Amino acid sequence: MKVLVTDLDGKVHEIEGKSGWTLMEVIRDAGLPIKAECGGACACATCHVYVDDDWMDASGERSEEEEDMIDLALEVEDTSRLSCQIEMSDSLDGLKVRLARDAVL
């Protein structure tokens, strides 16, 4: 499955998603500069991304734990998610996200 990730410069990177992995792991494995300081434990907000409006429903709802961590992020939008909390599956083939400024190395 493919994932389209827009970096801070507006460049779109088409990367390969892996079913069962989190979006954060996919982004990190592709070599994009995502901090992800807690390693996916939902204990920080350094894997903050903006999910494209068309993909919000498919990416799932924020858990209460994710909501608490999103509150720590900068420049939060309605489409803000922690990429460590989005599990990749075939239903997310073509997913579009944009890296948030506070998540980039």
PDB file of N, CA and C in Angstrom:
ATOM      1  N   MET A   1       0.847  -1.169   0.000  1.00  0.00           N
ATOM      2  CA  MET A   1       0.000   0.000   0.000  1.00  0.00           C
ATOM      3  C   MET A   1       0.890   1.229   0.000  1.00  0.00           C
ATOM      4  N   LYS A   2       0.377   2.327  -0.550  1.00  0.00           N
ATOM      5  CA  LYS A   2       1.185   3.532  -0.593  1.00  0.00           C
ATOM      6  C   LYS A   2       0.629   4.570   0.377  1.00  0.00           C
ATOM      7  N   VAL A   3       1.555   5.402   0.857  1.00  0.00           N
ATOM      8  CA  VAL A   3       1.216   6.518   1.726  1.00  0.00           C
ATOM      9  C   VAL A   3       1.892   7.745   1.131  1.00  0.00           C
ATOM     10  N   LEU A   4       1.168   8.852   1.062  1.00  0.00           N
ATOM     11  CA  LEU A   4       1.718  10.097   0.537  1.00  0.00           C
ATOM     12  C   LEU A   4       1.947  11.046   1.704  1.00  0.00           C
ATOM     13  N   VAL A   5       3.225  11.373   1.937  1.00  0.00           N
ATOM     14  CA  VAL A   5       3.608  12.221   3.063  1.00  0.00           C
ATOM     15  C   VAL A   5       4.189  13.524   2.532  1.00  0.00           C
ATOM     16  N   THR A   6       3.604  14.639   2.937  1.00  0.00           N
ATOM     17  CA  THR A   6       4.099  15.950   2.533  1.00  0.00           C
ATOM     18  C   THR A   6       4.999  16.490   3.634  1.00  0.00           C
ATOM     19  N   ASP A   7       6.223  16.871   3.248  1.00  0.00           N
ATOM     20  CA  ASP A   7       7.160  17.407   4.235  1.00  0.00           C
ATOM     21  C   ASP A   7       6.960  18.912   4.420  1.00  0.00           C
ATOM     22  N   LEU A   8       7.778  19.534   5.240  1.00  0.00           N
ATOM     23  CA  LEU A   8       7.622  20.957   5.547  1.00  0.00           C
ATOM     24  C   LEU A   8       7.889  21.856   4.350  1.00  0.00           C
ATOM     25  N   ASP A   9       8.629  21.345   3.374  1.00  0.00           N
ATOM     26  CA  ASP A   9       8.902  22.120   2.160  1.00  0.00           C
ATOM     27  C   ASP A   9       7.813  21.959   1.107  1.00  0.00           C
ATOM     28  N   GLY A  10       6.798  21.138   1.395  1.00  0.00           N
ATOM     29  CA  GLY A  10       5.712  20.920   0.454  1.00  0.00           C
ATOM     30  C   GLY A  10       5.977  19.791  -0.532  1.00  0.00           C
ATOM     31  N   LYS A  11       7.113  19.106  -0.357  1.00  0.00           N
ATOM     32  CA  LYS A  11       7.438  17.980  -1.244  1.00  0.00           C
ATOM     33  C   LYS A  11       6.652  16.749  -0.794  1.00  0.00           C
ATOM     34  N   VAL A  12       6.043  16.066  -1.751  1.00  0.00           N
ATOM     35  CA  VAL A  12       5.270  14.861  -1.458  1.00  0.00           C
ATOM     36  C   VAL A  12       6.160  13.641  -1.668  1.00  0.00           C
ATOM     37  N   HIS A  13       6.224  12.798  -0.655  1.00  0.00           N
ATOM     38  CA  HIS A  13       6.994  11.561  -0.709  1.00  0.00           C
ATOM     39  C   HIS A  13       6.015  10.397  -0.762  1.00  0.00           C
ATOM     40  N   GLU A  14       6.125   9.565  -1.779  1.00  0.00           N
ATOM     41  CA  GLU A  14       5.302   8.359  -1.850  1.00  0.00           C
ATOM     42  C   GLU A  14       6.107   7.243  -1.208  1.00  0.00           C
ATOM     43  N   ILE A  15       5.611   6.723  -0.087  1.00  0.00           N
ATOM     44  CA  ILE A  15       6.325   5.682   0.639  1.00  0.00           C
ATOM     45  C   ILE A  15       5.456   4.432   0.735  1.00  0.00           C
ATOM     46  N   GLU A  16       6.102   3.326   1.020  1.00  0.00           N
ATOM     47  CA  GLU A  16       5.407   2.045   1.092  1.00  0.00           C
ATOM     48  C   GLU A  16       4.916   1.793   2.510  1.00  0.00           C
ATOM     49  N   GLY A  17       3.607   1.612   2.663  1.00  0.00           N
ATOM     50  CA  GLY A  17       3.035   1.269   3.951  1.00  0.00           C
ATOM     51  C   GLY A  17       3.102  -0.232   4.176  1.00  0.00           C
ATOM     52  N   LYS A  18       3.147  -0.619   5.424  1.00  0.00           N
ATOM     53  CA  LYS A  18       3.200  -2.043   5.764  1.00  0.00           C
ATOM     54  C   LYS A  18       2.055  -2.341   6.721  1.00  0.00           C
ATOM     55  N   SER A  19       1.198  -3.259   6.325  1.00  0.00           N
ATOM     56  CA  SER A  19       0.050  -3.633   7.139  1.00  0.00           C
ATOM     57  C   SER A  19       0.507  -4.091   8.519  1.00  0.00           C
ATOM     58  N   GLY A  20      -0.169  -3.585   9.560  1.00  0.00           N
ATOM     59  CA  GLY A  20       0.171  -3.943  10.925  1.00  0.00           C
ATOM     60  C   GLY A  20       1.173  -2.997  11.571  1.00  0.00           C
ATOM     61  N   TRP A  21       1.877  -2.216  10.764  1.00  0.00           N
ATOM     62  CA  TRP A  21       2.799  -1.214  11.297  1.00  0.00           C
ATOM     63  C   TRP A  21       2.003   0.044  11.613  1.00  0.00           C
ATOM     64  N   THR A  22       2.567   0.903  12.457  1.00  0.00           N
ATOM     65  CA  THR A  22       1.945   2.207  12.653  1.00  0.00           C
ATOM     66  C   THR A  22       2.455   3.150  11.569  1.00  0.00           C
ATOM     67  N   LEU A  23       1.687   4.192  11.327  1.00  0.00           N
ATOM     68  CA  LEU A  23       2.107   5.197  10.356  1.00  0.00           C
ATOM     69  C   LEU A  23       3.456   5.789  10.750  1.00  0.00           C
ATOM     70  N   MET A  24       3.680   6.013  12.028  1.00  0.00           N
ATOM     71  CA  MET A  24       4.961   6.551  12.500  1.00  0.00           C
ATOM     72  C   MET A  24       6.112   5.639  12.089  1.00  0.00           C
ATOM     73  N   GLU A  25       5.950   4.334  12.268  1.00  0.00           N
ATOM     74  CA  GLU A  25       7.000   3.386  11.897  1.00  0.00           C
ATOM     75  C   GLU A  25       7.268   3.427  10.400  1.00  0.00           C
ATOM     76  N   VAL A  26       6.215   3.545   9.609  1.00  0.00           N
ATOM     77  CA  VAL A  26       6.340   3.597   8.154  1.00  0.00           C
ATOM     78  C   VAL A  26       7.105   4.859   7.740  1.00  0.00           C
ATOM     79  N   ILE A  27       6.739   5.997   8.338  1.00  0.00           N
ATOM     80  CA  ILE A  27       7.411   7.260   8.015  1.00  0.00           C
ATOM     81  C   ILE A  27       8.881   7.194   8.419  1.00  0.00           C
ATOM     82  N   ARG A  28       9.148   6.725   9.617  1.00  0.00           N
ATOM     83  CA  ARG A  28      10.528   6.620  10.119  1.00  0.00           C
ATOM     84  C   ARG A  28      11.346   5.654   9.269  1.00  0.00           C
ATOM     85  N   ASP A  29      10.753   4.502   8.922  1.00  0.00           N
ATOM     86  CA  ASP A  29      11.451   3.487   8.135  1.00  0.00           C
ATOM     87  C   ASP A  29      11.797   4.004   6.731  1.00  0.00           C
ATOM     88  N   ALA A  30      10.993   4.935   6.237  1.00  0.00           N
ATOM     89  CA  ALA A  30      11.231   5.506   4.909  1.00  0.00           C
ATOM     90  C   ALA A  30      12.339   6.568   4.942  1.00  0.00           C
ATOM     91  N   GLY A  31      12.821   6.882   6.141  1.00  0.00           N
ATOM     92  CA  GLY A  31      13.915   7.838   6.262  1.00  0.00           C
ATOM     93  C   GLY A  31      13.485   9.291   6.323  1.00  0.00           C
ATOM     94  N   LEU A  32      12.196   9.531   6.485  1.00  0.00           N
ATOM     95  CA  LEU A  32      11.737  10.912   6.620  1.00  0.00           C
ATOM     96  C   LEU A  32      12.047  11.400   8.040  1.00  0.00           C
ATOM     97  N   PRO A  33      12.276  12.711   8.200  1.00  0.00           N
ATOM     98  CA  PRO A  33      12.765  13.249   9.474  1.00  0.00           C
ATOM     99  C   PRO A  33      11.681  13.455  10.530  1.00  0.00           C
ATOM    100  N   ILE A  34      11.183  12.361  11.109  1.00  0.00           N
ATOM    101  CA  ILE A  34      10.161  12.456  12.154  1.00  0.00           C
ATOM    102  C   ILE A  34      10.826  12.150  13.495  1.00  0.00           C
ATOM    103  N   LYS A  35      10.550  12.976  14.516  1.00  0.00           N
ATOM    104  CA  LYS A  35      11.193  12.801  15.823  1.00  0.00           C
ATOM    105  C   LYS A  35      10.770  11.493  16.496  1.00  0.00           C
ATOM    106  N   ALA A  36       9.486  11.348  16.749  1.00  0.00           N
ATOM    107  CA  ALA A  36       8.951  10.137  17.389  1.00  0.00           C
ATOM    108  C   ALA A  36       9.773   9.746  18.615  1.00  0.00           C
ATOM    109  N   GLU A  37       9.939  10.696  19.527  1.00  0.00           N
ATOM    110  CA  GLU A  37      10.835  10.524  20.671  1.00  0.00           C
ATOM    111  C   GLU A  37      10.468   9.382  21.611  1.00  0.00           C
ATOM    112  N   CYS A  38       9.182   9.086  21.769  1.00  0.00           N
ATOM    113  CA  CYS A  38       8.800   8.015  22.701  1.00  0.00           C
ATOM    114  C   CYS A  38       8.746   6.654  22.014  1.00  0.00           C
ATOM    115  N   GLY A  39       8.997   6.629  20.718  1.00  0.00           N
ATOM    116  CA  GLY A  39       9.043   5.358  20.004  1.00  0.00           C
ATOM    117  C   GLY A  39       7.685   4.725  19.743  1.00  0.00           C
ATOM    118  N   GLY A  40       6.630   5.487  19.905  1.00  0.00           N
ATOM    119  CA  GLY A  40       5.304   4.957  19.588  1.00  0.00           C
ATOM    120  C   GLY A  40       4.474   4.581  20.795  1.00  0.00           C
ATOM    121  N   ALA A  41       4.868   5.043  21.982  1.00  0.00           N
ATOM    122  CA  ALA A  41       4.157   4.685  23.206  1.00  0.00           C
ATOM    123  C   ALA A  41       3.034   5.656  23.562  1.00  0.00           C
ATOM    124  N   CYS A  42       2.740   6.608  22.670  1.00  0.00           N
ATOM    125  CA  CYS A  42       1.718   7.631  22.912  1.00  0.00           C
ATOM    126  C   CYS A  42       2.019   8.395  24.200  1.00  0.00           C
ATOM    127  N   ALA A  43       3.318   8.711  24.381  1.00  0.00           N
ATOM    128  CA  ALA A  43       3.762   9.423  25.582  1.00  0.00           C
ATOM    129  C   ALA A  43       4.354  10.788  25.252  1.00  0.00           C
ATOM    130  N   CYS A  44       4.201  11.224  24.011  1.00  0.00           N
ATOM    131  CA  CYS A  44       4.668  12.544  23.597  1.00  0.00           C
ATOM    132  C   CYS A  44       3.831  12.957  22.383  1.00  0.00           C
ATOM    133  N   ALA A  45       4.179  14.048  21.747  1.00  0.00           N
ATOM    134  CA  ALA A  45       3.438  14.480  20.550  1.00  0.00           C
ATOM    135  C   ALA A  45       4.398  14.727  19.398  1.00  0.00           C
ATOM    136  N   THR A  46       5.547  14.042  19.419  1.00  0.00           N
ATOM    137  CA  THR A  46       6.584  14.319  18.425  1.00  0.00           C
ATOM    138  C   THR A  46       6.473  13.472  17.160  1.00  0.00           C
ATOM    139  N   CYS A  47       5.317  12.868  16.958  1.00  0.00           N
ATOM    140  CA  CYS A  47       5.032  12.188  15.681  1.00  0.00           C
ATOM    141  C   CYS A  47       3.756  12.777  15.085  1.00  0.00           C
ATOM    142  N   HIS A  48       3.479  14.013  15.445  1.00  0.00           N
ATOM    143  CA  HIS A  48       2.281  14.756  15.048  1.00  0.00           C
ATOM    144  C   HIS A  48       2.215  14.915  13.525  1.00  0.00           C
ATOM    145  N   VAL A  49       1.089  14.543  12.963  1.00  0.00           N
ATOM    146  CA  VAL A  49       0.838  14.741  11.530  1.00  0.00           C
ATOM    147  C   VAL A  49      -0.560  15.321  11.353  1.00  0.00           C
ATOM    148  N   TYR A  50      -0.799  15.856  10.164  1.00  0.00           N
ATOM    149  CA  TYR A  50      -2.131  16.306   9.772  1.00  0.00           C
ATOM    150  C   TYR A  50      -2.635  15.335   8.720  1.00  0.00           C
ATOM    151  N   VAL A  51      -3.756  14.714   8.984  1.00  0.00           N
ATOM    152  CA  VAL A  51      -4.360  13.764   8.052  1.00  0.00           C
ATOM    153  C   VAL A  51      -5.211  14.555   7.058  1.00  0.00           C
ATOM    154  N   ASP A  52      -5.082  14.231   5.791  1.00  0.00           N
ATOM    155  CA  ASP A  52      -5.900  14.859   4.759  1.00  0.00           C
ATOM    156  C   ASP A  52      -7.380  14.674   5.103  1.00  0.00           C
ATOM    157  N   ASP A  53      -8.172  15.727   4.881  1.00  0.00           N
ATOM    158  CA  ASP A  53      -9.604  15.689   5.212  1.00  0.00           C
ATOM    159  C   ASP A  53     -10.299  14.438   4.687  1.00  0.00           C
ATOM    160  N   ASP A  54      -9.968  14.031   3.471  1.00  0.00           N
ATOM    161  CA  ASP A  54     -10.617  12.871   2.857  1.00  0.00           C
ATOM    162  C   ASP A  54     -10.287  11.559   3.558  1.00  0.00           C
ATOM    163  N   TRP A  55      -9.278  11.556   4.404  1.00  0.00           N
ATOM    164  CA  TRP A  55      -8.827  10.335   5.070  1.00  0.00           C
ATOM    165  C   TRP A  55      -9.127  10.315   6.569  1.00  0.00           C
ATOM    166  N   MET A  56      -9.775  11.347   7.073  1.00  0.00           N
ATOM    167  CA  MET A  56     -10.029  11.409   8.514  1.00  0.00           C
ATOM    168  C   MET A  56     -10.860  10.231   9.019  1.00  0.00           C
ATOM    169  N   ASP A  57     -11.941   9.907   8.344  1.00  0.00           N
ATOM    170  CA  ASP A  57     -12.786   8.796   8.801  1.00  0.00           C
ATOM    171  C   ASP A  57     -12.028   7.477   8.772  1.00  0.00           C
ATOM    172  N   ALA A  58     -11.299   7.238   7.704  1.00  0.00           N
ATOM    173  CA  ALA A  58     -10.577   5.971   7.550  1.00  0.00           C
ATOM    174  C   ALA A  58      -9.453   5.822   8.572  1.00  0.00           C
ATOM    175  N   SER A  59      -8.886   6.945   9.020  1.00  0.00           N
ATOM    176  CA  SER A  59      -7.755   6.861   9.959  1.00  0.00           C
ATOM    177  C   SER A  59      -8.196   6.572  11.391  1.00  0.00           C
ATOM    178  N   GLY A  60      -9.481   6.648  11.642  1.00  0.00           N
ATOM    179  CA  GLY A  60     -10.002   6.302  12.962  1.00  0.00           C
ATOM    180  C   GLY A  60     -10.136   7.498  13.888  1.00  0.00           C
ATOM    181  N   GLU A  61     -10.725   7.242  15.037  1.00  0.00           N
ATOM    182  CA  GLU A  61     -10.953   8.277  16.045  1.00  0.00           C
ATOM    183  C   GLU A  61      -9.746   8.352  16.976  1.00  0.00           C
ATOM    184  N   ARG A  62      -9.503   9.539  17.505  1.00  0.00           N
ATOM    185  CA  ARG A  62      -8.467   9.690  18.531  1.00  0.00           C
ATOM    186  C   ARG A  62      -8.950   9.046  19.826  1.00  0.00           C
ATOM    187  N   SER A  63      -8.074   8.313  20.480  1.00  0.00           N
ATOM    188  CA  SER A  63      -8.394   7.775  21.799  1.00  0.00           C
ATOM    189  C   SER A  63      -8.264   8.906  22.822  1.00  0.00           C
ATOM    190  N   GLU A  64      -8.734   8.680  24.024  1.00  0.00           N
ATOM    191  CA  GLU A  64      -8.602   9.679  25.087  1.00  0.00           C
ATOM    192  C   GLU A  64      -7.120   9.955  25.372  1.00  0.00           C
ATOM    193  N   GLU A  65      -6.322   8.899  25.361  1.00  0.00           N
ATOM    194  CA  GLU A  65      -4.871   9.036  25.581  1.00  0.00           C
ATOM    195  C   GLU A  65      -4.235   9.899  24.484  1.00  0.00           C
ATOM    196  N   GLU A  66      -4.631   9.661  23.232  1.00  0.00           N
ATOM    197  CA  GLU A  66      -4.103  10.456  22.127  1.00  0.00           C
ATOM    198  C   GLU A  66      -4.553  11.914  22.247  1.00  0.00           C
ATOM    199  N   GLU A  67      -5.796  12.143  22.636  1.00  0.00           N
ATOM    200  CA  GLU A  67      -6.296  13.507  22.841  1.00  0.00           C
ATOM    201  C   GLU A  67      -5.432  14.248  23.857  1.00  0.00           C
ATOM    202  N   ASP A  68      -5.085  13.567  24.956  1.00  0.00           N
ATOM    203  CA  ASP A  68      -4.253  14.191  25.988  1.00  0.00           C
ATOM    204  C   ASP A  68      -2.892  14.590  25.434  1.00  0.00           C
ATOM    205  N   MET A  69      -2.310  13.742  24.610  1.00  0.00           N
ATOM    206  CA  MET A  69      -0.993  14.035  24.037  1.00  0.00           C
ATOM    207  C   MET A  69      -1.076  15.112  22.960  1.00  0.00           C
ATOM    208  N   ILE A  70      -2.135  15.096  22.153  1.00  0.00           N
ATOM    209  CA  ILE A  70      -2.317  16.121  21.107  1.00  0.00           C
ATOM    210  C   ILE A  70      -2.360  17.511  21.742  1.00  0.00           C
ATOM    211  N   ASP A  71      -2.901  17.596  22.965  1.00  0.00           N
ATOM    212  CA  ASP A  71      -2.946  18.882  23.662  1.00  0.00           C
ATOM    213  C   ASP A  71      -1.555  19.471  23.886  1.00  0.00           C
ATOM    214  N   LEU A  72      -0.525  18.625  23.863  1.00  0.00           N
ATOM    215  CA  LEU A  72       0.857  19.078  24.061  1.00  0.00           C
ATOM    216  C   LEU A  72       1.516  19.525  22.755  1.00  0.00           C
ATOM    217  N   ALA A  73       0.872  19.235  21.639  1.00  0.00           N
ATOM    218  CA  ALA A  73       1.450  19.556  20.330  1.00  0.00           C
ATOM    219  C   ALA A  73       1.263  21.037  20.019  1.00  0.00           C
ATOM    220  N   LEU A  74       2.076  21.512  19.087  1.00  0.00           N
ATOM    221  CA  LEU A  74       1.971  22.882  18.601  1.00  0.00           C
ATOM    222  C   LEU A  74       1.115  22.892  17.341  1.00  0.00           C
ATOM    223  N   GLU A  75       0.459  24.007  17.079  1.00  0.00           N
ATOM    224  CA  GLU A  75      -0.298  24.199  15.842  1.00  0.00           C
ATOM    225  C   GLU A  75      -1.281  23.056  15.571  1.00  0.00           C
ATOM    226  N   VAL A  76      -2.058  22.709  16.580  1.00  0.00           N
ATOM    227  CA  VAL A  76      -3.045  21.626  16.464  1.00  0.00           C
ATOM    228  C   VAL A  76      -4.189  22.067  15.551  1.00  0.00           C
ATOM    229  N   GLU A  77      -4.591  21.169  14.678  1.00  0.00           N
ATOM    230  CA  GLU A  77      -5.717  21.395  13.771  1.00  0.00           C
ATOM    231  C   GLU A  77      -6.740  20.278  13.988  1.00  0.00           C
ATOM    232  N   ASP A  78      -7.908  20.430  13.389  1.00  0.00           N
ATOM    233  CA  ASP A  78      -8.941  19.390  13.511  1.00  0.00           C
ATOM    234  C   ASP A  78      -8.456  18.047  12.980  1.00  0.00           C
ATOM    235  N   THR A  79      -7.529  18.090  12.035  1.00  0.00           N
ATOM    236  CA  THR A  79      -7.046  16.851  11.413  1.00  0.00           C
ATOM    237  C   THR A  79      -5.753  16.337  12.052  1.00  0.00           C
ATOM    238  N   SER A  80      -5.356  16.910  13.190  1.00  0.00           N
ATOM    239  CA  SER A  80      -4.140  16.470  13.874  1.00  0.00           C
ATOM    240  C   SER A  80      -4.296  15.067  14.430  1.00  0.00           C
ATOM    241  N   ARG A  81      -3.287  14.267  14.214  1.00  0.00           N
ATOM    242  CA  ARG A  81      -3.227  12.908  14.781  1.00  0.00           C
ATOM    243  C   ARG A  81      -1.796  12.620  15.178  1.00  0.00           C
ATOM    244  N   LEU A  82      -1.613  11.665  16.066  1.00  0.00           N
ATOM    245  CA  LEU A  82      -0.293  11.137  16.360  1.00  0.00           C
ATOM    246  C   LEU A  82      -0.111   9.935  15.445  1.00  0.00           C
ATOM    247  N   SER A  83       0.925   9.976  14.638  1.00  0.00           N
ATOM    248  CA  SER A  83       1.105   8.912  13.642  1.00  0.00           C
ATOM    249  C   SER A  83       1.357   7.555  14.285  1.00  0.00           C
ATOM    250  N   CYS A  84       1.786   7.539  15.543  1.00  0.00           N
ATOM    251  CA  CYS A  84       1.988   6.258  16.227  1.00  0.00           C
ATOM    252  C   CYS A  84       0.673   5.584  16.581  1.00  0.00           C
ATOM    253  N   GLN A  85      -0.431   6.311  16.455  1.00  0.00           N
ATOM    254  CA  GLN A  85      -1.737   5.774  16.819  1.00  0.00           C
ATOM    255  C   GLN A  85      -2.585   5.392  15.607  1.00  0.00           C
ATOM    256  N   ILE A  86      -1.999   5.475  14.420  1.00  0.00           N
ATOM    257  CA  ILE A  86      -2.702   5.073  13.201  1.00  0.00           C
ATOM    258  C   ILE A  86      -2.084   3.774  12.713  1.00  0.00           C
ATOM    259  N   GLU A  87      -2.842   2.680  12.808  1.00  0.00           N
ATOM    260  CA  GLU A  87      -2.327   1.382  12.361  1.00  0.00           C
ATOM    261  C   GLU A  87      -2.630   1.197  10.882  1.00  0.00           C
ATOM    262  N   MET A  88      -1.591   0.867  10.146  1.00  0.00           N
ATOM    263  CA  MET A  88      -1.721   0.704   8.702  1.00  0.00           C
ATOM    264  C   MET A  88      -2.497  -0.568   8.368  1.00  0.00           C
ATOM    265  N   SER A  89      -3.347  -0.444   7.346  1.00  0.00           N
ATOM    266  CA  SER A  89      -4.101  -1.586   6.829  1.00  0.00           C
ATOM    267  C   SER A  89      -4.428  -1.284   5.371  1.00  0.00           C
ATOM    268  N   ASP A  90      -4.937  -2.278   4.676  1.00  0.00           N
ATOM    269  CA  ASP A  90      -5.282  -2.089   3.259  1.00  0.00           C
ATOM    270  C   ASP A  90      -6.282  -0.951   3.059  1.00  0.00           C
ATOM    271  N   SER A  91      -7.104  -0.676   4.064  1.00  0.00           N
ATOM    272  CA  SER A  91      -8.099   0.394   3.925  1.00  0.00           C
ATOM    273  C   SER A  91      -7.449   1.779   3.906  1.00  0.00           C
ATOM    274  N   LEU A  92      -6.163   1.858   4.235  1.00  0.00           N
ATOM    275  CA  LEU A  92      -5.456   3.142   4.219  1.00  0.00           C
ATOM    276  C   LEU A  92      -4.524   3.284   3.015  1.00  0.00           C
ATOM    277  N   ASP A  93      -4.709   2.424   2.013  1.00  0.00           N
ATOM    278  CA  ASP A  93      -3.914   2.531   0.785  1.00  0.00           C
ATOM    279  C   ASP A  93      -4.213   3.869   0.111  1.00  0.00           C
ATOM    280  N   GLY A  94      -3.180   4.693  -0.041  1.00  0.00           N
ATOM    281  CA  GLY A  94      -3.348   6.019  -0.628  1.00  0.00           C
ATOM    282  C   GLY A  94      -3.459   7.132   0.408  1.00  0.00           C
ATOM    283  N   LEU A  95      -3.344   6.778   1.697  1.00  0.00           N
ATOM    284  CA  LEU A  95      -3.434   7.747   2.787  1.00  0.00           C
ATOM    285  C   LEU A  95      -2.539   8.955   2.521  1.00  0.00           C
ATOM    286  N   LYS A  96      -3.071  10.150   2.783  1.00  0.00           N
ATOM    287  CA  LYS A  96      -2.317  11.396   2.611  1.00  0.00           C
ATOM    288  C   LYS A  96      -2.196  12.092   3.958  1.00  0.00           C
ATOM    289  N   VAL A  97      -0.948  12.407   4.343  1.00  0.00           N
ATOM    290  CA  VAL A  97      -0.693  13.144   5.577  1.00  0.00           C
ATOM    291  C   VAL A  97       0.361  14.211   5.321  1.00  0.00           C
ATOM    292  N   ARG A  98       0.401  15.163   6.239  1.00  0.00           N
ATOM    293  CA  ARG A  98       1.394  16.229   6.182  1.00  0.00           C
ATOM    294  C   ARG A  98       2.108  16.254   7.526  1.00  0.00           C
ATOM    295  N   LEU A  99       3.442  16.303   7.505  1.00  0.00           N
ATOM    296  CA  LEU A  99       4.199  16.350   8.741  1.00  0.00           C
ATOM    297  C   LEU A  99       3.972  17.695   9.437  1.00  0.00           C
ATOM    298  N   ALA A 100       3.832  17.659  10.740  1.00  0.00           N
ATOM    299  CA  ALA A 100       3.685  18.889  11.528  1.00  0.00           C
ATOM    300  C   ALA A 100       5.078  19.408  11.887  1.00  0.00           C
ATOM    301  N   ARG A 101       5.185  20.717  12.001  1.00  0.00           N
ATOM    302  CA  ARG A 101       6.468  21.357  12.284  1.00  0.00           C
ATOM    303  C   ARG A 101       7.116  20.812  13.559  1.00  0.00           C
ATOM    304  N   ASP A 102       6.318  20.548  14.604  1.00  0.00           N
ATOM    305  CA  ASP A 102       6.876  20.101  15.873  1.00  0.00           C
ATOM    306  C   ASP A 102       7.297  18.635  15.878  1.00  0.00           C
ATOM    307  N   ALA A 103       7.061  17.934  14.796  1.00  0.00           N
ATOM    308  CA  ALA A 103       7.429  16.517  14.725  1.00  0.00           C
ATOM    309  C   ALA A 103       8.657  16.263  13.886  1.00  0.00           C
ATOM    310  N   VAL A 104       9.169  17.310  13.257  1.00  0.00           N
ATOM    311  CA  VAL A 104      10.277  17.135  12.318  1.00  0.00           C
ATOM    312  C   VAL A 104      11.605  17.378  13.006  1.00  0.00           C
ATOM    313  N   LEU A 105      12.558  16.484  12.724  1.00  0.00           N
ATOM    314  CA  LEU A 105      13.920  16.621  13.278  1.00  0.00           C
ATOM    315  C   LEU A 105      14.585  17.871  12.772  1.00  0.00           C
TER     316      LEU A 105
END
